[in-house]
Amino acid sequence: MVELKGNRPKWKQIFEIIQGRIEDGTYPPGEKIPTVLELMGEFHVANPTAQKVFKALREEGLIHTEPGMGSFVVEDDATGG
C-alpha cells in the first residue's frame, strides 16, 4: 500500500507517483497501466479520485485510452528518432 500525505490532494499525489513510474520505466512506452479499479485498490481512494488521475495523465500526454482495451503509456515520438 502506498501512503498518501494528508496535506496535498490525493489525486495529485497519485498522478505524480504514476508519472514517476512512467519516467523511470516501471511502465514503459506502449505498456498498459493499472486500471481505475486497480488504482482505487492500491491507493485506497474513491472512483472519482482515480478518474481524475487518469484525466490528468491523458491531458499531460502521458497515456492514451483505448475503449474496451485500457490505458497505455504513449510512445515517445519526440526523441529525435
PDB file of N, CA and C in Angstrom:
ATOM      1  N   MET A   1       0.842  -1.193   0.000  1.00  0.00           N
ATOM      2  CA  MET A   1       0.000   0.000   0.000  1.00  0.00           C
ATOM      3  C   MET A   1       0.880   1.246   0.000  1.00  0.00           C
ATOM      4  N   VAL A   2       0.494   2.220  -0.802  1.00  0.00           N
ATOM      5  CA  VAL A   2       1.225   3.475  -0.875  1.00  0.00           C
ATOM      6  C   VAL A   2       0.569   4.463   0.073  1.00  0.00           C
ATOM      7  N   GLU A   3       1.377   5.070   0.920  1.00  0.00           N
ATOM      8  CA  GLU A   3       0.868   6.037   1.894  1.00  0.00           C
ATOM      9  C   GLU A   3       0.825   7.423   1.257  1.00  0.00           C
ATOM     10  N   LEU A   4      -0.349   8.051   1.301  1.00  0.00           N
ATOM     11  CA  LEU A   4      -0.504   9.403   0.783  1.00  0.00           C
ATOM     12  C   LEU A   4      -0.467  10.386   1.938  1.00  0.00           C
ATOM     13  N   LYS A   5       0.127  11.537   1.716  1.00  0.00           N
ATOM     14  CA  LYS A   5       0.202  12.582   2.735  1.00  0.00           C
ATOM     15  C   LYS A   5      -1.100  13.374   2.740  1.00  0.00           C
ATOM     16  N   GLY A   6      -1.536  13.802   3.907  1.00  0.00           N
ATOM     17  CA  GLY A   6      -2.824  14.474   4.037  1.00  0.00           C
ATOM     18  C   GLY A   6      -2.871  15.915   3.589  1.00  0.00           C
ATOM     19  N   ASN A   7      -1.710  16.549   3.358  1.00  0.00           N
ATOM     20  CA  ASN A   7      -1.701  17.986   3.092  1.00  0.00           C
ATOM     21  C   ASN A   7      -1.787  18.355   1.614  1.00  0.00           C
ATOM     22  N   ARG A   8      -1.848  17.378   0.725  1.00  0.00           N
ATOM     23  CA  ARG A   8      -1.962  17.652  -0.710  1.00  0.00           C
ATOM     24  C   ARG A   8      -3.084  16.811  -1.282  1.00  0.00           C
ATOM     25  N   PRO A   9      -3.709  17.278  -2.373  1.00  0.00           N
ATOM     26  CA  PRO A   9      -4.788  16.489  -2.971  1.00  0.00           C
ATOM     27  C   PRO A   9      -4.309  15.087  -3.335  1.00  0.00           C
ATOM     28  N   LYS A  10      -5.116  14.100  -2.974  1.00  0.00           N
ATOM     29  CA  LYS A  10      -4.742  12.705  -3.236  1.00  0.00           C
ATOM     30  C   LYS A  10      -4.530  12.452  -4.715  1.00  0.00           C
ATOM     31  N   TRP A  11      -5.403  13.006  -5.563  1.00  0.00           N
ATOM     32  CA  TRP A  11      -5.276  12.744  -6.996  1.00  0.00           C
ATOM     33  C   TRP A  11      -3.934  13.239  -7.520  1.00  0.00           C
ATOM     34  N   LYS A  12      -3.470  14.381  -7.003  1.00  0.00           N
ATOM     35  CA  LYS A  12      -2.203  14.952  -7.457  1.00  0.00           C
ATOM     36  C   LYS A  12      -1.035  14.072  -7.016  1.00  0.00           C
ATOM     37  N   GLN A  13      -1.091  13.560  -5.796  1.00  0.00           N
ATOM     38  CA  GLN A  13      -0.034  12.668  -5.303  1.00  0.00           C
ATOM     39  C   GLN A  13       0.024  11.386  -6.140  1.00  0.00           C
ATOM     40  N   ILE A  14      -1.139  10.827  -6.434  1.00  0.00           N
ATOM     41  CA  ILE A  14      -1.187   9.601  -7.231  1.00  0.00           C
ATOM     42  C   ILE A  14      -0.692   9.875  -8.651  1.00  0.00           C
ATOM     43  N   PHE A  15      -1.115  11.005  -9.214  1.00  0.00           N
ATOM     44  CA  PHE A  15      -0.642  11.403 -10.539  1.00  0.00           C
ATOM     45  C   PHE A  15       0.885  11.428 -10.567  1.00  0.00           C
ATOM     46  N   GLU A  16       1.491  12.045  -9.555  1.00  0.00           N
ATOM     47  CA  GLU A  16       2.950  12.160  -9.515  1.00  0.00           C
ATOM     48  C   GLU A  16       3.620  10.790  -9.360  1.00  0.00           C
ATOM     49  N   ILE A  17       2.999   9.895  -8.611  1.00  0.00           N
ATOM     50  CA  ILE A  17       3.538   8.541  -8.463  1.00  0.00           C
ATOM     51  C   ILE A  17       3.504   7.801  -9.798  1.00  0.00           C
ATOM     52  N   ILE A  18       2.357   7.870 -10.491  1.00  0.00           N
ATOM     53  CA  ILE A  18       2.230   7.189 -11.791  1.00  0.00           C
ATOM     54  C   ILE A  18       3.162   7.833 -12.814  1.00  0.00           C
ATOM     55  N   GLN A  19       3.241   9.151 -12.801  1.00  0.00           N
ATOM     56  CA  GLN A  19       4.162   9.859 -13.692  1.00  0.00           C
ATOM     57  C   GLN A  19       5.600   9.384 -13.441  1.00  0.00           C
ATOM     58  N   GLY A  20       5.973   9.245 -12.190  1.00  0.00           N
ATOM     59  CA  GLY A  20       7.305   8.756 -11.854  1.00  0.00           C
ATOM     60  C   GLY A  20       7.543   7.347 -12.357  1.00  0.00           C
ATOM     61  N   ARG A  21       6.523   6.502 -12.252  1.00  0.00           N
ATOM     62  CA  ARG A  21       6.647   5.127 -12.738  1.00  0.00           C
ATOM     63  C   ARG A  21       6.815   5.087 -14.252  1.00  0.00           C
ATOM     64  N   ILE A  22       6.166   6.016 -14.946  1.00  0.00           N
ATOM     65  CA  ILE A  22       6.329   6.107 -16.397  1.00  0.00           C
ATOM     66  C   ILE A  22       7.746   6.581 -16.721  1.00  0.00           C
ATOM     67  N   GLU A  23       8.199   7.612 -16.013  1.00  0.00           N
ATOM     68  CA  GLU A  23       9.516   8.179 -16.290  1.00  0.00           C
ATOM     69  C   GLU A  23      10.652   7.226 -15.949  1.00  0.00           C
ATOM     70  N   ASP A  24      10.486   6.412 -14.895  1.00  0.00           N
ATOM     71  CA  ASP A  24      11.579   5.506 -14.519  1.00  0.00           C
ATOM     72  C   ASP A  24      11.507   4.156 -15.239  1.00  0.00           C
ATOM     73  N   GLY A  25      10.512   3.989 -16.108  1.00  0.00           N
ATOM     74  CA  GLY A  25      10.426   2.779 -16.908  1.00  0.00           C
ATOM     75  C   GLY A  25       9.657   1.639 -16.271  1.00  0.00           C
ATOM     76  N   THR A  26       9.106   1.862 -15.076  1.00  0.00           N
ATOM     77  CA  THR A  26       8.264   0.833 -14.477  1.00  0.00           C
ATOM     78  C   THR A  26       7.111   0.515 -15.420  1.00  0.00           C
ATOM     79  N   TYR A  27       6.550   1.566 -16.024  1.00  0.00           N
ATOM     80  CA  TYR A  27       5.541   1.419 -17.073  1.00  0.00           C
ATOM     81  C   TYR A  27       6.176   1.963 -18.354  1.00  0.00           C
ATOM     82  N   PRO A  28       6.788   1.116 -19.173  1.00  0.00           N
ATOM     83  CA  PRO A  28       7.456   1.590 -20.385  1.00  0.00           C
ATOM     84  C   PRO A  28       6.462   1.983 -21.484  1.00  0.00           C
ATOM     85  N   PRO A  29       6.935   2.711 -22.501  1.00  0.00           N
ATOM     86  CA  PRO A  29       6.065   3.098 -23.608  1.00  0.00           C
ATOM     87  C   PRO A  29       5.342   1.899 -24.202  1.00  0.00           C
ATOM     88  N   GLY A  30       4.048   2.090 -24.434  1.00  0.00           N
ATOM     89  CA  GLY A  30       3.229   1.040 -25.020  1.00  0.00           C
ATOM     90  C   GLY A  30       2.620   0.093 -24.010  1.00  0.00           C
ATOM     91  N   GLU A  31       3.082   0.125 -22.764  1.00  0.00           N
ATOM     92  CA  GLU A  31       2.578  -0.806 -21.756  1.00  0.00           C
ATOM     93  C   GLU A  31       1.256  -0.324 -21.167  1.00  0.00           C
ATOM     94  N   LYS A  32       0.397  -1.282 -20.890  1.00  0.00           N
ATOM     95  CA  LYS A  32      -0.878  -0.982 -20.233  1.00  0.00           C
ATOM     96  C   LYS A  32      -0.606  -0.626 -18.776  1.00  0.00           C
ATOM     97  N   ILE A  33      -1.244   0.429 -18.303  1.00  0.00           N
ATOM     98  CA  ILE A  33      -1.091   0.819 -16.903  1.00  0.00           C
ATOM     99  C   ILE A  33      -2.263   0.251 -16.103  1.00  0.00           C
ATOM    100  N   PRO A  34      -2.157   0.265 -14.773  1.00  0.00           N
ATOM    101  CA  PRO A  34      -3.256  -0.267 -13.962  1.00  0.00           C
ATOM    102  C   PRO A  34      -4.580   0.433 -14.267  1.00  0.00           C
ATOM    103  N   THR A  35      -5.652  -0.289 -14.062  1.00  0.00           N
ATOM    104  CA  THR A  35      -6.987   0.240 -14.301  1.00  0.00           C
ATOM    105  C   THR A  35      -7.414   1.167 -13.165  1.00  0.00           C
ATOM    106  N   VAL A  36      -8.536   1.839 -13.368  1.00  0.00           N
ATOM    107  CA  VAL A  36      -9.110   2.683 -12.326  1.00  0.00           C
ATOM    108  C   VAL A  36      -9.355   1.853 -11.069  1.00  0.00           C
ATOM    109  N   LEU A  37      -9.923   0.667 -11.240  1.00  0.00           N
ATOM    110  CA  LEU A  37     -10.191  -0.191 -10.080  1.00  0.00           C
ATOM    111  C   LEU A  37      -8.901  -0.580  -9.362  1.00  0.00           C
ATOM    112  N   GLU A  38      -7.860  -0.851 -10.121  1.00  0.00           N
ATOM    113  CA  GLU A  38      -6.583  -1.208  -9.504  1.00  0.00           C
ATOM    114  C   GLU A  38      -5.989  -0.025  -8.740  1.00  0.00           C
ATOM    115  N   LEU A  39      -6.105   1.184  -9.309  1.00  0.00           N
ATOM    116  CA  LEU A  39      -5.633   2.370  -8.580  1.00  0.00           C
ATOM    117  C   LEU A  39      -6.437   2.580  -7.305  1.00  0.00           C
ATOM    118  N   MET A  40      -7.746   2.366  -7.398  1.00  0.00           N
ATOM    119  CA  MET A  40      -8.592   2.509  -6.216  1.00  0.00           C
ATOM    120  C   MET A  40      -8.123   1.567  -5.114  1.00  0.00           C
ATOM    121  N   GLY A  41      -7.769   0.346  -5.482  1.00  0.00           N
ATOM    122  CA  GLY A  41      -7.312  -0.632  -4.505  1.00  0.00           C
ATOM    123  C   GLY A  41      -5.929  -0.317  -3.957  1.00  0.00           C
ATOM    124  N   GLU A  42      -5.015   0.055  -4.840  1.00  0.00           N
ATOM    125  CA  GLU A  42      -3.642   0.318  -4.407  1.00  0.00           C
ATOM    126  C   GLU A  42      -3.552   1.528  -3.482  1.00  0.00           C
ATOM    127  N   PHE A  43      -4.305   2.583  -3.818  1.00  0.00           N
ATOM    128  CA  PHE A  43      -4.180   3.835  -3.078  1.00  0.00           C
ATOM    129  C   PHE A  43      -5.336   4.097  -2.110  1.00  0.00           C
ATOM    130  N   HIS A  44      -6.304   3.187  -2.081  1.00  0.00           N
ATOM    131  CA  HIS A  44      -7.472   3.329  -1.205  1.00  0.00           C
ATOM    132  C   HIS A  44      -8.174   4.671  -1.399  1.00  0.00           C
ATOM    133  N   VAL A  45      -8.557   4.933  -2.651  1.00  0.00           N
ATOM    134  CA  VAL A  45      -9.280   6.152  -2.995  1.00  0.00           C
ATOM    135  C   VAL A  45     -10.573   5.788  -3.710  1.00  0.00           C
ATOM    136  N   ALA A  46     -11.473   6.752  -3.790  1.00  0.00           N
ATOM    137  CA  ALA A  46     -12.759   6.562  -4.463  1.00  0.00           C
ATOM    138  C   ALA A  46     -12.589   6.683  -5.975  1.00  0.00           C
ATOM    139  N   ASN A  47     -13.590   6.179  -6.692  1.00  0.00           N
ATOM    140  CA  ASN A  47     -13.583   6.199  -8.156  1.00  0.00           C
ATOM    141  C   ASN A  47     -13.351   7.599  -8.729  1.00  0.00           C
ATOM    142  N   PRO A  48     -14.040   8.649  -8.253  1.00  0.00           N
ATOM    143  CA  PRO A  48     -13.807   9.973  -8.845  1.00  0.00           C
ATOM    144  C   PRO A  48     -12.350  10.438  -8.724  1.00  0.00           C
ATOM    145  N   THR A  49     -11.696  10.071  -7.635  1.00  0.00           N
ATOM    146  CA  THR A  49     -10.284  10.440  -7.460  1.00  0.00           C
ATOM    147  C   THR A  49      -9.423   9.727  -8.489  1.00  0.00           C
ATOM    148  N   ALA A  50      -9.636   8.427  -8.656  1.00  0.00           N
ATOM    149  CA  ALA A  50      -8.876   7.661  -9.639  1.00  0.00           C
ATOM    150  C   ALA A  50      -9.155   8.169 -11.052  1.00  0.00           C
ATOM    151  N   GLN A  51     -10.402   8.495 -11.340  1.00  0.00           N
ATOM    152  CA  GLN A  51     -10.754   9.027 -12.662  1.00  0.00           C
ATOM    153  C   GLN A  51     -10.020  10.337 -12.929  1.00  0.00           C
ATOM    154  N   LYS A  52      -9.887  11.167 -11.897  1.00  0.00           N
ATOM    155  CA  LYS A  52      -9.198  12.452 -12.053  1.00  0.00           C
ATOM    156  C   LYS A  52      -7.723  12.230 -12.388  1.00  0.00           C
ATOM    157  N   VAL A  53      -7.130  11.196 -11.799  1.00  0.00           N
ATOM    158  CA  VAL A  53      -5.739  10.854 -12.106  1.00  0.00           C
ATOM    159  C   VAL A  53      -5.606  10.510 -13.591  1.00  0.00           C
ATOM    160  N   PHE A  54      -6.505   9.661 -14.077  1.00  0.00           N
ATOM    161  CA  PHE A  54      -6.451   9.267 -15.487  1.00  0.00           C
ATOM    162  C   PHE A  54      -6.655  10.465 -16.401  1.00  0.00           C
ATOM    163  N   LYS A  55      -7.567  11.337 -16.044  1.00  0.00           N
ATOM    164  CA  LYS A  55      -7.808  12.540 -16.852  1.00  0.00           C
ATOM    165  C   LYS A  55      -6.546  13.390 -16.931  1.00  0.00           C
ATOM    166  N   ALA A  56      -5.889  13.585 -15.788  1.00  0.00           N
ATOM    167  CA  ALA A  56      -4.668  14.393 -15.768  1.00  0.00           C
ATOM    168  C   ALA A  56      -3.549  13.730 -16.565  1.00  0.00           C
ATOM    169  N   LEU A  57      -3.414  12.413 -16.469  1.00  0.00           N
ATOM    170  CA  LEU A  57      -2.388  11.698 -17.236  1.00  0.00           C
ATOM    171  C   LEU A  57      -2.620  11.849 -18.731  1.00  0.00           C
ATOM    172  N   ARG A  58      -3.905  11.785 -19.150  1.00  0.00           N
ATOM    173  CA  ARG A  58      -4.231  11.982 -20.568  1.00  0.00           C
ATOM    174  C   ARG A  58      -3.936  13.421 -20.992  1.00  0.00           C
ATOM    175  N   GLU A  59      -4.328  14.384 -20.169  1.00  0.00           N
ATOM    176  CA  GLU A  59      -4.116  15.789 -20.510  1.00  0.00           C
ATOM    177  C   GLU A  59      -2.631  16.136 -20.625  1.00  0.00           C
ATOM    178  N   GLU A  60      -1.804  15.460 -19.831  1.00  0.00           N
ATOM    179  CA  GLU A  60      -0.358  15.689 -19.894  1.00  0.00           C
ATOM    180  C   GLU A  60       0.295  14.916 -21.038  1.00  0.00           C
ATOM    181  N   GLY A  61      -0.488  14.113 -21.751  1.00  0.00           N
ATOM    182  CA  GLY A  61       0.042  13.361 -22.878  1.00  0.00           C
ATOM    183  C   GLY A  61       0.875  12.162 -22.476  1.00  0.00           C
ATOM    184  N   LEU A  62       0.676  11.675 -21.244  1.00  0.00           N
ATOM    185  CA  LEU A  62       1.454  10.535 -20.763  1.00  0.00           C
ATOM    186  C   LEU A  62       0.813   9.200 -21.122  1.00  0.00           C
ATOM    187  N   ILE A  63      -0.513   9.178 -21.243  1.00  0.00           N
ATOM    188  CA  ILE A  63      -1.223   7.946 -21.575  1.00  0.00           C
ATOM    189  C   ILE A  63      -2.266   8.229 -22.647  1.00  0.00           C
ATOM    190  N   HIS A  64      -2.710   7.165 -23.279  1.00  0.00           N
ATOM    191  CA  HIS A  64      -3.886   7.235 -24.154  1.00  0.00           C
ATOM    192  C   HIS A  64      -4.766   6.054 -23.780  1.00  0.00           C
ATOM    193  N   THR A  65      -6.062   6.252 -23.912  1.00  0.00           N
ATOM    194  CA  THR A  65      -7.020   5.224 -23.534  1.00  0.00           C
ATOM    195  C   THR A  65      -7.707   4.696 -24.782  1.00  0.00           C
ATOM    196  N   GLU A  66      -7.757   3.378 -24.881  1.00  0.00           N
ATOM    197  CA  GLU A  66      -8.454   2.720 -25.973  1.00  0.00           C
ATOM    198  C   GLU A  66      -9.687   2.053 -25.383  1.00  0.00           C
ATOM    199  N   PRO A  67     -10.878   2.531 -25.769  1.00  0.00           N
ATOM    200  CA  PRO A  67     -12.105   1.968 -25.204  1.00  0.00           C
ATOM    201  C   PRO A  67     -12.144   0.447 -25.312  1.00  0.00           C
ATOM    202  N   GLY A  68     -12.443  -0.186 -24.192  1.00  0.00           N
ATOM    203  CA  GLY A  68     -12.522  -1.629 -24.147  1.00  0.00           C
ATOM    204  C   GLY A  68     -11.179  -2.338 -24.028  1.00  0.00           C
ATOM    205  N   MET A  69     -10.109  -1.588 -24.130  1.00  0.00           N
ATOM    206  CA  MET A  69      -8.764  -2.178 -24.086  1.00  0.00           C
ATOM    207  C   MET A  69      -7.986  -1.754 -22.839  1.00  0.00           C
ATOM    208  N   GLY A  70      -8.118  -0.494 -22.438  1.00  0.00           N
ATOM    209  CA  GLY A  70      -7.384   0.016 -21.289  1.00  0.00           C
ATOM    210  C   GLY A  70      -6.624   1.275 -21.637  1.00  0.00           C
ATOM    211  N   SER A  71      -5.752   1.681 -20.715  1.00  0.00           N
ATOM    212  CA  SER A  71      -4.925   2.874 -20.891  1.00  0.00           C
ATOM    213  C   SER A  71      -3.468   2.456 -21.000  1.00  0.00           C
ATOM    214  N   PHE A  72      -2.761   3.104 -21.919  1.00  0.00           N
ATOM    215  CA  PHE A  72      -1.400   2.717 -22.256  1.00  0.00           C
ATOM    216  C   PHE A  72      -0.479   3.930 -22.228  1.00  0.00           C
ATOM    217  N   VAL A  73       0.780   3.688 -21.859  1.00  0.00           N
ATOM    218  CA  VAL A  73       1.795   4.732 -21.889  1.00  0.00           C
ATOM    219  C   VAL A  73       2.032   5.093 -23.350  1.00  0.00           C
ATOM    220  N   VAL A  74       2.069   6.396 -23.634  1.00  0.00           N
ATOM    221  CA  VAL A  74       2.288   6.824 -25.016  1.00  0.00           C
ATOM    222  C   VAL A  74       3.702   6.499 -25.464  1.00  0.00           C
ATOM    223  N   GLU A  75       3.835   6.244 -26.738  1.00  0.00           N
ATOM    224  CA  GLU A  75       5.150   6.041 -27.335  1.00  0.00           C
ATOM    225  C   GLU A  75       5.793   7.418 -27.482  1.00  0.00           C
ATOM    226  N   ASP A  76       7.074   7.527 -27.184  1.00  0.00           N
ATOM    227  CA  ASP A  76       7.763   8.820 -27.251  1.00  0.00           C
ATOM    228  C   ASP A  76       8.275   9.061 -28.662  1.00  0.00           C
ATOM    229  N   ASP A  77       7.536   9.897 -29.408  1.00  0.00           N
ATOM    230  CA  ASP A  77       7.908  10.205 -30.791  1.00  0.00           C
ATOM    231  C   ASP A  77       8.820  11.411 -30.879  1.00  0.00           C
ATOM    232  N   ALA A  78       9.034  12.114 -29.750  1.00  0.00           N
ATOM    233  CA  ALA A  78       9.761  13.382 -29.780  1.00  0.00           C
ATOM    234  C   ALA A  78      11.224  13.248 -29.373  1.00  0.00           C
ATOM    235  N   THR A  79      11.801  12.074 -29.526  1.00  0.00           N
ATOM    236  CA  THR A  79      13.192  11.877 -29.113  1.00  0.00           C
ATOM    237  C   THR A  79      14.174  12.104 -30.248  1.00  0.00           C
ATOM    238  N   GLY A  80      13.664  12.584 -31.357  1.00  0.00           N
ATOM    239  CA  GLY A  80      14.547  12.862 -32.484  1.00  0.00           C
ATOM    240  C   GLY A  80      14.883  11.639 -33.308  1.00  0.00           C
ATOM    241  N   GLY A  81      14.118  10.573 -33.140  1.00  0.00           N
ATOM    242  CA  GLY A  81      14.420   9.331 -33.846  1.00  0.00           C
ATOM    243  C   GLY A  81      13.716   9.147 -35.126  1.00  0.00           C
TER     244      GLY A  81
END
